[in-house]
Amino acid sequence: MKLRRWDTLLYELAEGQLGYFTTAQAREAGLHPVRLVQLHRHGDIERLSRGVYRLTRYPISPLGQYMEAALWPQVRRPSAQATVSHESALAIYGLSDVSPVKVHITLPHALRIRRTVPRHLMLHYADLEPQDIKQVEGVPVTTAARTIRDVHAAHLGPAIIHQAITDGRKTGHLTFDEADRLEQELLGAPAQSRTMRPGERRSARE
């Protein structure tokens, strides 16, 4: 079956974003806003929040809510960088038992959102470095180490921090050296002197 022009454009646009896209991205791809309204009426796209849509024929991902959150600031500012962080990043990595009600995202200090923030979002501000961010199925997420530091700074509590570090060490989201360093830095644990364990990786920063 020959794909229609809008179909091809939107698929190429949304392919790296779990099927999600913004009105600004669609406009840059050459689709008029009126056309988006028509596609929504016909059920070809789903409106998730103001300015954020999903191709209905694209498989639904468990990470969809996080992609939607990361795209939301780009509706009016396509260059805006939003990164899933804090408790939401812990949930993505499966570190600790946190189950946040809201999706936490971090924005640069220079970016200020003047429109109403959806109730399901929690905004934080920090100037993240490239090494603080990784892609998880296309979703920008703070690294496990950065996430644990962030939730510690947000006073999530030592029990959760300890569990997150322990889980990170077990799952490989943290190297043993990163986990040891976080325990010393955040929980006051004594430095450990030991030989390398089988399969253990040294931190890239050492």
N, C-alpha and C. Protein backbone atom coordinates (compact mmCIF):
# COMPACT_ATOMS: atom_id res chain seq x y z
N MET A 1 0.84 -1.18 0.00
CA MET A 1 0.00 0.00 0.00
C MET A 1 0.88 1.24 0.00
N LYS A 2 0.61 2.17 -0.87
CA LYS A 2 1.37 3.41 -0.95
C LYS A 2 0.96 4.33 0.19
N LEU A 3 1.97 4.77 0.95
CA LEU A 3 1.69 5.65 2.07
C LEU A 3 1.36 7.06 1.59
N ARG A 4 0.45 7.70 2.29
CA ARG A 4 0.11 9.08 2.00
C ARG A 4 1.23 9.99 2.49
N ARG A 5 1.32 11.17 1.92
CA ARG A 5 2.43 12.07 2.25
C ARG A 5 2.46 12.38 3.74
N TRP A 6 1.30 12.72 4.32
CA TRP A 6 1.28 13.05 5.74
C TRP A 6 1.70 11.86 6.58
N ASP A 7 1.30 10.67 6.14
CA ASP A 7 1.62 9.45 6.87
C ASP A 7 3.13 9.25 6.92
N THR A 8 3.77 9.39 5.77
CA THR A 8 5.22 9.23 5.70
C THR A 8 5.93 10.29 6.54
N LEU A 9 5.49 11.52 6.42
CA LEU A 9 6.12 12.61 7.16
C LEU A 9 6.02 12.39 8.67
N LEU A 10 4.84 12.08 9.14
CA LEU A 10 4.65 11.92 10.58
C LEU A 10 5.37 10.69 11.11
N TYR A 11 5.39 9.62 10.32
CA TYR A 11 6.09 8.42 10.79
C TYR A 11 7.58 8.69 10.91
N GLU A 12 8.15 9.34 9.92
CA GLU A 12 9.58 9.67 9.98
C GLU A 12 9.86 10.60 11.16
N LEU A 13 8.94 11.50 11.42
CA LEU A 13 9.09 12.45 12.50
C LEU A 13 9.02 11.77 13.87
N ALA A 14 8.06 10.86 14.01
CA ALA A 14 7.78 10.26 15.31
C ALA A 14 8.54 8.96 15.58
N GLU A 15 9.21 8.44 14.57
CA GLU A 15 9.83 7.12 14.71
C GLU A 15 10.82 7.06 15.86
N GLY A 16 11.61 8.10 16.06
CA GLY A 16 12.58 8.10 17.14
C GLY A 16 12.04 8.62 18.44
N GLN A 17 10.71 8.85 18.50
CA GLN A 17 10.08 9.42 19.69
C GLN A 17 8.90 8.58 20.15
N LEU A 18 8.98 7.27 19.94
CA LEU A 18 7.95 6.34 20.39
C LEU A 18 6.58 6.64 19.78
N GLY A 19 6.58 7.31 18.61
CA GLY A 19 5.32 7.62 17.96
C GLY A 19 4.75 8.98 18.34
N TYR A 20 5.46 9.73 19.17
CA TYR A 20 4.98 11.03 19.65
C TYR A 20 5.59 12.16 18.83
N PHE A 21 4.89 13.29 18.78
CA PHE A 21 5.42 14.47 18.10
C PHE A 21 4.66 15.70 18.59
N THR A 22 5.21 16.87 18.31
CA THR A 22 4.55 18.13 18.70
C THR A 22 4.02 18.84 17.47
N THR A 23 3.13 19.78 17.70
CA THR A 23 2.60 20.58 16.58
C THR A 23 3.72 21.36 15.91
N ALA A 24 4.68 21.84 16.70
CA ALA A 24 5.80 22.59 16.12
C ALA A 24 6.63 21.70 15.20
N GLN A 25 6.86 20.47 15.60
CA GLN A 25 7.62 19.54 14.76
C GLN A 25 6.86 19.23 13.48
N ALA A 26 5.54 19.03 13.61
CA ALA A 26 4.72 18.74 12.43
C ALA A 26 4.72 19.92 11.47
N ARG A 27 4.66 21.13 12.03
CA ARG A 27 4.68 22.33 11.19
C ARG A 27 6.00 22.45 10.43
N GLU A 28 7.10 22.16 11.12
CA GLU A 28 8.41 22.21 10.47
C GLU A 28 8.53 21.15 9.39
N ALA A 29 7.79 20.05 9.54
CA ALA A 29 7.82 18.99 8.54
C ALA A 29 6.92 19.30 7.35
N GLY A 30 6.16 20.40 7.44
CA GLY A 30 5.33 20.82 6.32
C GLY A 30 3.86 20.52 6.44
N LEU A 31 3.41 20.16 7.64
CA LEU A 31 1.99 19.85 7.83
C LEU A 31 1.28 21.05 8.46
N HIS A 32 0.19 21.48 7.84
CA HIS A 32 -0.57 22.63 8.33
C HIS A 32 -1.38 22.21 9.56
N PRO A 33 -1.53 23.09 10.56
CA PRO A 33 -2.32 22.77 11.75
C PRO A 33 -3.73 22.28 11.45
N VAL A 34 -4.34 22.81 10.38
CA VAL A 34 -5.68 22.36 10.00
C VAL A 34 -5.66 20.88 9.65
N ARG A 35 -4.57 20.45 9.03
CA ARG A 35 -4.45 19.03 8.66
C ARG A 35 -4.37 18.15 9.90
N LEU A 36 -3.70 18.65 10.94
CA LEU A 36 -3.63 17.89 12.18
C LEU A 36 -5.01 17.72 12.80
N VAL A 37 -5.82 18.77 12.73
CA VAL A 37 -7.19 18.69 13.24
C VAL A 37 -7.97 17.62 12.50
N GLN A 38 -7.81 17.57 11.18
CA GLN A 38 -8.51 16.57 10.38
C GLN A 38 -8.05 15.16 10.73
N LEU A 39 -6.76 14.99 10.90
CA LEU A 39 -6.21 13.67 11.24
C LEU A 39 -6.70 13.22 12.61
N HIS A 40 -6.84 14.18 13.53
CA HIS A 40 -7.35 13.84 14.86
C HIS A 40 -8.81 13.40 14.78
N ARG A 41 -9.60 14.09 13.99
CA ARG A 41 -11.01 13.72 13.82
C ARG A 41 -11.17 12.33 13.22
N HIS A 42 -10.26 11.98 12.33
CA HIS A 42 -10.34 10.67 11.66
C HIS A 42 -9.71 9.55 12.48
N GLY A 43 -9.12 9.90 13.62
CA GLY A 43 -8.54 8.87 14.47
C GLY A 43 -7.14 8.44 14.07
N ASP A 44 -6.50 9.18 13.17
CA ASP A 44 -5.15 8.81 12.74
C ASP A 44 -4.11 9.23 13.77
N ILE A 45 -4.40 10.27 14.52
CA ILE A 45 -3.51 10.71 15.59
C ILE A 45 -4.33 10.94 16.85
N GLU A 46 -3.66 10.86 17.98
CA GLU A 46 -4.31 11.03 19.28
C GLU A 46 -3.71 12.25 19.98
N ARG A 47 -4.57 13.14 20.46
CA ARG A 47 -4.12 14.31 21.18
C ARG A 47 -3.94 13.96 22.65
N LEU A 48 -2.72 14.10 23.15
CA LEU A 48 -2.42 13.72 24.52
C LEU A 48 -2.46 14.91 25.47
N SER A 49 -1.93 16.00 25.04
CA SER A 49 -1.99 17.25 25.78
C SER A 49 -1.86 18.37 24.75
N ARG A 50 -2.01 19.60 25.19
CA ARG A 50 -2.00 20.69 24.22
C ARG A 50 -0.67 20.74 23.47
N GLY A 51 -0.75 20.47 22.16
CA GLY A 51 0.44 20.53 21.31
C GLY A 51 1.21 19.24 21.19
N VAL A 52 0.80 18.18 21.89
CA VAL A 52 1.50 16.88 21.83
C VAL A 52 0.54 15.81 21.33
N TYR A 53 0.99 15.07 20.31
CA TYR A 53 0.15 14.04 19.69
C TYR A 53 0.91 12.72 19.58
N ARG A 54 0.16 11.66 19.30
CA ARG A 54 0.74 10.34 19.08
C ARG A 54 0.08 9.69 17.87
N LEU A 55 0.88 9.08 17.01
CA LEU A 55 0.33 8.31 15.90
C LEU A 55 -0.38 7.08 16.46
N THR A 56 -1.65 6.92 16.15
CA THR A 56 -2.42 5.82 16.75
C THR A 56 -1.97 4.46 16.24
N ARG A 57 -1.39 4.40 15.06
CA ARG A 57 -0.95 3.09 14.56
C ARG A 57 0.42 2.68 15.09
N TYR A 58 1.05 3.58 15.85
CA TYR A 58 2.36 3.26 16.43
C TYR A 58 2.13 2.50 17.73
N PRO A 59 2.87 1.41 17.99
CA PRO A 59 2.66 0.63 19.22
C PRO A 59 2.82 1.48 20.47
N ILE A 60 1.94 1.28 21.43
CA ILE A 60 2.01 2.01 22.69
C ILE A 60 3.19 1.49 23.51
N SER A 61 3.99 2.40 24.04
CA SER A 61 5.16 2.03 24.83
C SER A 61 4.92 2.33 26.31
N PRO A 62 5.47 1.48 27.21
CA PRO A 62 5.38 1.78 28.64
C PRO A 62 6.06 3.10 29.00
N LEU A 63 6.95 3.57 28.13
CA LEU A 63 7.66 4.83 28.39
C LEU A 63 6.97 6.02 27.73
N GLY A 64 5.79 5.81 27.18
CA GLY A 64 5.09 6.86 26.46
C GLY A 64 4.84 8.11 27.27
N GLN A 65 4.45 7.94 28.53
CA GLN A 65 4.15 9.10 29.37
C GLN A 65 5.40 9.97 29.58
N TYR A 66 6.57 9.33 29.58
CA TYR A 66 7.81 10.07 29.77
C TYR A 66 8.20 10.81 28.49
N MET A 67 7.95 10.19 27.35
CA MET A 67 8.22 10.89 26.10
C MET A 67 7.30 12.09 25.95
N GLU A 68 6.05 11.92 26.30
CA GLU A 68 5.11 13.04 26.24
C GLU A 68 5.58 14.19 27.12
N ALA A 69 6.06 13.86 28.32
CA ALA A 69 6.53 14.88 29.25
C ALA A 69 7.76 15.60 28.71
N ALA A 70 8.66 14.86 28.09
CA ALA A 70 9.88 15.45 27.55
C ALA A 70 9.58 16.37 26.36
N LEU A 71 8.52 16.07 25.61
CA LEU A 71 8.17 16.87 24.45
C LEU A 71 7.33 18.10 24.81
N TRP A 72 6.66 18.06 25.94
CA TRP A 72 5.73 19.14 26.28
C TRP A 72 6.37 20.53 26.24
N PRO A 73 7.57 20.74 26.78
CA PRO A 73 8.15 22.08 26.71
C PRO A 73 8.50 22.53 25.29
N GLN A 74 8.56 21.60 24.35
CA GLN A 74 8.96 21.93 22.99
C GLN A 74 7.79 22.38 22.11
N VAL A 75 6.58 22.37 22.66
CA VAL A 75 5.41 22.73 21.87
C VAL A 75 5.55 24.15 21.31
N ARG A 76 6.03 25.06 22.14
CA ARG A 76 6.22 26.43 21.69
C ARG A 76 7.68 26.78 21.45
N ARG A 77 8.56 25.98 22.05
CA ARG A 77 10.00 26.20 21.88
C ARG A 77 10.64 24.90 21.43
N PRO A 78 10.70 24.66 20.11
CA PRO A 78 11.21 23.38 19.60
C PRO A 78 12.62 23.04 20.07
N SER A 79 13.41 24.05 20.44
CA SER A 79 14.79 23.79 20.86
C SER A 79 14.90 23.52 22.36
N ALA A 80 13.79 23.59 23.08
CA ALA A 80 13.83 23.40 24.53
C ALA A 80 14.28 21.98 24.87
N GLN A 81 15.21 21.89 25.80
CA GLN A 81 15.72 20.59 26.22
C GLN A 81 15.09 20.20 27.54
N ALA A 82 14.31 19.14 27.54
CA ALA A 82 13.70 18.63 28.77
C ALA A 82 14.19 17.20 29.00
N THR A 83 14.52 16.88 30.23
CA THR A 83 15.06 15.57 30.56
C THR A 83 14.27 14.97 31.71
N VAL A 84 13.82 13.75 31.57
CA VAL A 84 13.12 13.06 32.65
C VAL A 84 14.11 12.83 33.79
N SER A 85 13.71 13.13 35.02
CA SER A 85 14.65 13.12 36.13
C SER A 85 13.99 12.73 37.45
N HIS A 86 14.78 12.83 38.52
CA HIS A 86 14.31 12.61 39.89
C HIS A 86 13.57 11.27 40.04
N GLU A 87 12.43 11.27 40.74
CA GLU A 87 11.73 10.01 41.01
C GLU A 87 11.31 9.30 39.72
N SER A 88 11.00 10.06 38.68
CA SER A 88 10.59 9.43 37.42
C SER A 88 11.74 8.67 36.77
N ALA A 89 12.95 9.23 36.87
CA ALA A 89 14.11 8.53 36.34
C ALA A 89 14.39 7.27 37.16
N LEU A 90 14.23 7.35 38.48
CA LEU A 90 14.38 6.15 39.31
C LEU A 90 13.41 5.06 38.85
N ALA A 91 12.17 5.46 38.56
CA ALA A 91 11.16 4.50 38.13
C ALA A 91 11.54 3.87 36.79
N ILE A 92 12.06 4.66 35.86
CA ILE A 92 12.46 4.12 34.56
C ILE A 92 13.56 3.08 34.72
N TYR A 93 14.52 3.36 35.57
CA TYR A 93 15.63 2.42 35.79
C TYR A 93 15.25 1.26 36.71
N GLY A 94 14.14 1.40 37.42
CA GLY A 94 13.75 0.36 38.37
C GLY A 94 14.60 0.40 39.63
N LEU A 95 15.03 1.58 40.03
CA LEU A 95 15.84 1.74 41.23
C LEU A 95 14.97 2.19 42.39
N SER A 96 14.85 1.36 43.39
CA SER A 96 14.00 1.57 44.58
C SER A 96 12.54 1.29 44.23
N ASP A 97 11.69 1.48 45.21
CA ASP A 97 10.26 1.17 45.06
C ASP A 97 9.42 2.42 44.83
N VAL A 98 10.04 3.52 44.44
CA VAL A 98 9.27 4.75 44.25
C VAL A 98 8.26 4.60 43.13
N SER A 99 7.12 5.22 43.31
CA SER A 99 6.07 5.21 42.29
C SER A 99 5.47 6.61 42.22
N PRO A 100 6.17 7.53 41.57
CA PRO A 100 5.73 8.92 41.58
C PRO A 100 4.40 9.13 40.89
N VAL A 101 3.60 10.02 41.46
CA VAL A 101 2.31 10.36 40.87
C VAL A 101 2.51 11.25 39.65
N LYS A 102 3.52 12.12 39.72
CA LYS A 102 3.78 13.04 38.62
C LYS A 102 5.04 12.63 37.87
N VAL A 103 5.16 13.10 36.63
CA VAL A 103 6.37 12.88 35.85
C VAL A 103 7.29 14.07 36.08
N HIS A 104 8.48 13.79 36.56
CA HIS A 104 9.45 14.83 36.87
C HIS A 104 10.36 15.07 35.66
N ILE A 105 10.51 16.32 35.27
CA ILE A 105 11.42 16.67 34.18
C ILE A 105 12.29 17.85 34.63
N THR A 106 13.51 17.88 34.12
CA THR A 106 14.43 18.97 34.43
C THR A 106 14.64 19.83 33.19
N LEU A 107 14.55 21.15 33.38
CA LEU A 107 14.73 22.13 32.32
C LEU A 107 15.93 23.00 32.64
N PRO A 108 16.57 23.60 31.63
CA PRO A 108 17.67 24.53 31.88
C PRO A 108 17.19 25.74 32.67
N HIS A 109 18.09 26.34 33.45
CA HIS A 109 17.74 27.52 34.25
C HIS A 109 17.21 28.66 33.38
N ALA A 110 17.77 28.79 32.18
CA ALA A 110 17.40 29.91 31.32
C ALA A 110 16.00 29.76 30.72
N LEU A 111 15.46 28.56 30.77
CA LEU A 111 14.14 28.31 30.18
C LEU A 111 13.05 28.49 31.22
N ARG A 112 12.12 29.39 30.94
CA ARG A 112 11.00 29.59 31.85
C ARG A 112 9.69 29.36 31.10
N ILE A 113 8.86 28.52 31.66
CA ILE A 113 7.57 28.18 31.05
C ILE A 113 6.51 29.14 31.59
N ARG A 114 5.88 29.87 30.69
CA ARG A 114 4.87 30.84 31.11
C ARG A 114 3.45 30.32 30.97
N ARG A 115 3.27 29.20 30.30
CA ARG A 115 1.91 28.65 30.19
C ARG A 115 1.64 27.70 31.36
N THR A 116 0.42 27.35 31.54
CA THR A 116 0.03 26.50 32.66
C THR A 116 0.66 25.12 32.54
N VAL A 117 1.28 24.69 33.61
CA VAL A 117 1.92 23.37 33.63
C VAL A 117 0.87 22.31 33.93
N PRO A 118 0.77 21.25 33.11
CA PRO A 118 -0.20 20.19 33.39
C PRO A 118 -0.01 19.60 34.79
N ARG A 119 -1.09 19.18 35.39
CA ARG A 119 -1.03 18.68 36.77
C ARG A 119 -0.16 17.44 36.93
N HIS A 120 0.01 16.70 35.83
CA HIS A 120 0.78 15.45 35.95
C HIS A 120 2.28 15.68 35.80
N LEU A 121 2.71 16.94 35.64
CA LEU A 121 4.14 17.24 35.49
C LEU A 121 4.69 17.97 36.71
N MET A 122 5.95 17.68 37.04
CA MET A 122 6.68 18.41 38.07
C MET A 122 7.97 18.92 37.44
N LEU A 123 8.15 20.25 37.46
CA LEU A 123 9.31 20.85 36.80
C LEU A 123 10.43 21.11 37.80
N HIS A 124 11.67 20.82 37.35
CA HIS A 124 12.88 21.15 38.09
C HIS A 124 13.78 21.94 37.14
N TYR A 125 14.71 22.68 37.70
CA TYR A 125 15.62 23.47 36.87
C TYR A 125 17.07 23.18 37.24
N ALA A 126 17.86 22.87 36.23
CA ALA A 126 19.30 22.63 36.40
C ALA A 126 19.93 22.64 35.02
N ASP A 127 21.19 23.06 34.96
CA ASP A 127 21.92 23.04 33.69
C ASP A 127 22.70 21.74 33.61
N LEU A 128 22.10 20.75 32.98
CA LEU A 128 22.71 19.43 32.89
C LEU A 128 23.82 19.41 31.85
N GLU A 129 24.85 18.64 32.14
CA GLU A 129 25.93 18.41 31.18
C GLU A 129 25.56 17.21 30.31
N PRO A 130 26.14 17.12 29.10
CA PRO A 130 25.83 15.97 28.22
C PRO A 130 26.05 14.63 28.90
N GLN A 131 27.07 14.54 29.77
CA GLN A 131 27.35 13.26 30.44
C GLN A 131 26.34 12.93 31.53
N ASP A 132 25.44 13.88 31.84
CA ASP A 132 24.39 13.64 32.84
C ASP A 132 23.14 13.02 32.22
N ILE A 133 23.12 12.89 30.90
CA ILE A 133 21.90 12.47 30.20
C ILE A 133 22.18 11.24 29.34
N LYS A 134 21.24 10.32 29.31
CA LYS A 134 21.31 9.18 28.40
C LYS A 134 19.95 8.99 27.76
N GLN A 135 19.92 8.28 26.65
CA GLN A 135 18.67 7.99 25.95
C GLN A 135 18.19 6.59 26.33
N VAL A 136 16.96 6.49 26.78
CA VAL A 136 16.34 5.20 27.08
C VAL A 136 15.16 5.04 26.12
N GLU A 137 15.36 4.24 25.09
CA GLU A 137 14.36 4.07 24.03
C GLU A 137 13.92 5.41 23.45
N GLY A 138 14.87 6.31 23.30
CA GLY A 138 14.58 7.61 22.72
C GLY A 138 14.20 8.68 23.72
N VAL A 139 13.92 8.29 24.96
CA VAL A 139 13.54 9.26 26.00
C VAL A 139 14.80 9.78 26.69
N PRO A 140 14.99 11.11 26.75
CA PRO A 140 16.14 11.65 27.47
C PRO A 140 15.93 11.54 28.98
N VAL A 141 16.86 10.87 29.65
CA VAL A 141 16.75 10.59 31.08
C VAL A 141 18.08 10.91 31.75
N THR A 142 18.04 11.48 32.94
CA THR A 142 19.28 11.68 33.67
C THR A 142 19.90 10.31 34.01
N THR A 143 21.22 10.24 34.00
CA THR A 143 21.89 8.99 34.32
C THR A 143 21.54 8.54 35.73
N ALA A 144 21.78 7.27 36.02
CA ALA A 144 21.44 6.74 37.34
C ALA A 144 22.16 7.50 38.44
N ALA A 145 23.46 7.78 38.24
CA ALA A 145 24.22 8.49 39.28
C ALA A 145 23.69 9.90 39.48
N ARG A 146 23.44 10.61 38.38
CA ARG A 146 22.91 11.97 38.49
C ARG A 146 21.53 11.94 39.15
N THR A 147 20.71 10.96 38.79
CA THR A 147 19.36 10.85 39.36
C THR A 147 19.41 10.68 40.87
N ILE A 148 20.29 9.82 41.34
CA ILE A 148 20.39 9.57 42.78
C ILE A 148 20.86 10.82 43.51
N ARG A 149 21.79 11.55 42.93
CA ARG A 149 22.21 12.82 43.53
C ARG A 149 21.05 13.82 43.57
N ASP A 150 20.25 13.84 42.51
CA ASP A 150 19.12 14.77 42.45
C ASP A 150 18.07 14.46 43.52
N VAL A 151 17.73 13.19 43.67
CA VAL A 151 16.69 12.86 44.66
C VAL A 151 17.23 13.03 46.08
N HIS A 152 18.52 12.86 46.25
CA HIS A 152 19.12 13.14 47.56
C HIS A 152 19.02 14.63 47.87
N ALA A 153 19.32 15.48 46.88
CA ALA A 153 19.22 16.93 47.07
C ALA A 153 17.78 17.36 47.31
N ALA A 154 16.82 16.57 46.79
CA ALA A 154 15.40 16.87 46.99
C ALA A 154 14.86 16.26 48.28
N HIS A 155 15.77 15.70 49.11
CA HIS A 155 15.42 15.17 50.44
C HIS A 155 14.43 14.01 50.35
N LEU A 156 14.70 13.10 49.45
CA LEU A 156 13.80 11.94 49.33
C LEU A 156 13.94 10.99 50.51
N GLY A 157 15.08 10.99 51.17
CA GLY A 157 15.25 10.16 52.36
C GLY A 157 16.35 9.13 52.19
N PRO A 158 17.13 8.87 53.25
CA PRO A 158 18.27 7.95 53.15
C PRO A 158 17.89 6.52 52.81
N ALA A 159 16.72 6.06 53.25
CA ALA A 159 16.33 4.68 52.95
C ALA A 159 16.16 4.48 51.45
N ILE A 160 15.50 5.42 50.78
CA ILE A 160 15.31 5.34 49.34
C ILE A 160 16.65 5.47 48.62
N ILE A 161 17.52 6.38 49.09
CA ILE A 161 18.82 6.57 48.47
C ILE A 161 19.64 5.29 48.56
N HIS A 162 19.64 4.69 49.74
CA HIS A 162 20.39 3.44 49.93
C HIS A 162 19.85 2.34 49.02
N GLN A 163 18.54 2.22 48.95
CA GLN A 163 17.94 1.20 48.09
C GLN A 163 18.27 1.45 46.63
N ALA A 164 18.21 2.71 46.19
CA ALA A 164 18.50 3.04 44.80
C ALA A 164 19.95 2.70 44.45
N ILE A 165 20.88 3.00 45.36
CA ILE A 165 22.28 2.68 45.12
C ILE A 165 22.48 1.16 45.07
N THR A 166 21.87 0.46 46.01
CA THR A 166 21.98 -1.01 46.04
C THR A 166 21.41 -1.62 44.77
N ASP A 167 20.24 -1.15 44.35
CA ASP A 167 19.62 -1.67 43.12
C ASP A 167 20.46 -1.32 41.90
N GLY A 168 21.03 -0.11 41.90
CA GLY A 168 21.87 0.29 40.78
C GLY A 168 23.10 -0.57 40.65
N ARG A 169 23.69 -0.93 41.77
CA ARG A 169 24.86 -1.82 41.76
C ARG A 169 24.48 -3.20 41.25
N LYS A 170 23.33 -3.70 41.69
CA LYS A 170 22.90 -5.06 41.29
C LYS A 170 22.54 -5.14 39.82
N THR A 171 21.88 -4.10 39.32
CA THR A 171 21.38 -4.14 37.93
C THR A 171 22.39 -3.68 36.90
N GLY A 172 23.49 -3.06 37.36
CA GLY A 172 24.48 -2.57 36.42
C GLY A 172 24.25 -1.15 35.95
N HIS A 173 23.20 -0.50 36.46
CA HIS A 173 23.00 0.90 36.11
C HIS A 173 24.07 1.78 36.74
N LEU A 174 24.70 1.27 37.81
CA LEU A 174 25.86 1.92 38.42
C LEU A 174 27.01 0.94 38.40
N THR A 175 28.22 1.43 38.14
CA THR A 175 29.40 0.58 38.35
C THR A 175 29.60 0.45 39.85
N PHE A 176 30.40 -0.53 40.28
CA PHE A 176 30.66 -0.68 41.70
C PHE A 176 31.35 0.56 42.25
N ASP A 177 32.24 1.14 41.46
CA ASP A 177 32.93 2.35 41.91
C ASP A 177 31.96 3.52 42.07
N GLU A 178 31.03 3.66 41.12
CA GLU A 178 30.03 4.73 41.22
C GLU A 178 29.17 4.53 42.47
N ALA A 179 28.75 3.29 42.71
CA ALA A 179 27.90 3.00 43.87
C ALA A 179 28.66 3.29 45.17
N ASP A 180 29.93 2.87 45.25
CA ASP A 180 30.72 3.14 46.45
C ASP A 180 30.88 4.64 46.68
N ARG A 181 31.13 5.36 45.59
CA ARG A 181 31.34 6.80 45.70
C ARG A 181 30.06 7.50 46.17
N LEU A 182 28.89 7.06 45.64
CA LEU A 182 27.62 7.65 46.06
C LEU A 182 27.32 7.35 47.53
N GLU A 183 27.65 6.15 47.99
CA GLU A 183 27.43 5.80 49.39
C GLU A 183 28.27 6.68 50.31
N GLN A 184 29.52 6.92 49.89
CA GLN A 184 30.40 7.77 50.69
C GLN A 184 29.91 9.22 50.67
N GLU A 185 29.54 9.69 49.48
CA GLU A 185 29.17 11.10 49.31
C GLU A 185 27.83 11.43 49.93
N LEU A 186 26.84 10.54 49.79
CA LEU A 186 25.48 10.86 50.19
C LEU A 186 25.06 10.25 51.52
N LEU A 187 25.65 9.12 51.86
CA LEU A 187 25.23 8.41 53.07
C LEU A 187 26.32 8.36 54.14
N GLY A 188 27.52 8.88 53.81
CA GLY A 188 28.60 8.88 54.78
C GLY A 188 29.20 7.53 55.04
N ALA A 189 29.04 6.59 54.09
CA ALA A 189 29.60 5.25 54.26
C ALA A 189 31.12 5.33 54.16
N PRO A 190 31.84 4.50 54.92
CA PRO A 190 33.31 4.52 54.84
C PRO A 190 33.79 4.03 53.49
N ALA A 191 34.93 4.54 53.04
CA ALA A 191 35.51 4.10 51.77
C ALA A 191 35.86 2.63 51.84
N GLN A 192 35.63 1.91 50.76
CA GLN A 192 35.91 0.48 50.71
C GLN A 192 37.19 0.25 49.92
N SER A 193 38.08 -0.54 50.48
CA SER A 193 39.31 -0.92 49.79
C SER A 193 39.21 -2.39 49.46
N ARG A 194 39.16 -2.72 48.20
CA ARG A 194 38.98 -4.11 47.79
C ARG A 194 39.53 -4.32 46.40
N THR A 195 39.68 -5.56 46.03
CA THR A 195 40.13 -5.90 44.69
C THR A 195 38.94 -5.93 43.76
N MET A 196 39.22 -5.85 42.46
CA MET A 196 38.14 -5.87 41.47
C MET A 196 37.41 -7.20 41.50
N ARG A 197 36.09 -7.16 41.42
CA ARG A 197 35.28 -8.37 41.36
C ARG A 197 35.17 -8.84 39.92
N PRO A 198 34.89 -10.13 39.70
CA PRO A 198 34.75 -10.63 38.33
C PRO A 198 33.67 -9.87 37.57
N GLY A 199 34.04 -9.36 36.41
CA GLY A 199 33.08 -8.64 35.57
C GLY A 199 32.85 -7.20 35.97
N GLU A 200 33.54 -6.75 37.02
CA GLU A 200 33.34 -5.38 37.48
C GLU A 200 34.01 -4.39 36.57
N ARG A 201 33.39 -3.23 36.33
CA ARG A 201 33.93 -2.19 35.48
C ARG A 201 34.30 -0.98 36.30
N ARG A 202 35.45 -0.45 36.04
CA ARG A 202 35.83 0.81 36.67
C ARG A 202 35.03 1.95 36.07
N SER A 203 34.78 2.97 36.86
CA SER A 203 34.07 4.14 36.34
C SER A 203 34.90 4.81 35.28
N ALA A 204 34.22 5.31 34.23
CA ALA A 204 34.91 5.97 33.13
C ALA A 204 35.60 7.24 33.60
N ARG A 205 35.17 7.78 34.73
CA ARG A 205 35.76 9.03 35.23
C ARG A 205 37.07 8.79 35.97
N GLU A 206 37.44 7.52 36.22
CA GLU A 206 38.66 7.23 36.95
C GLU A 206 39.76 6.80 35.98
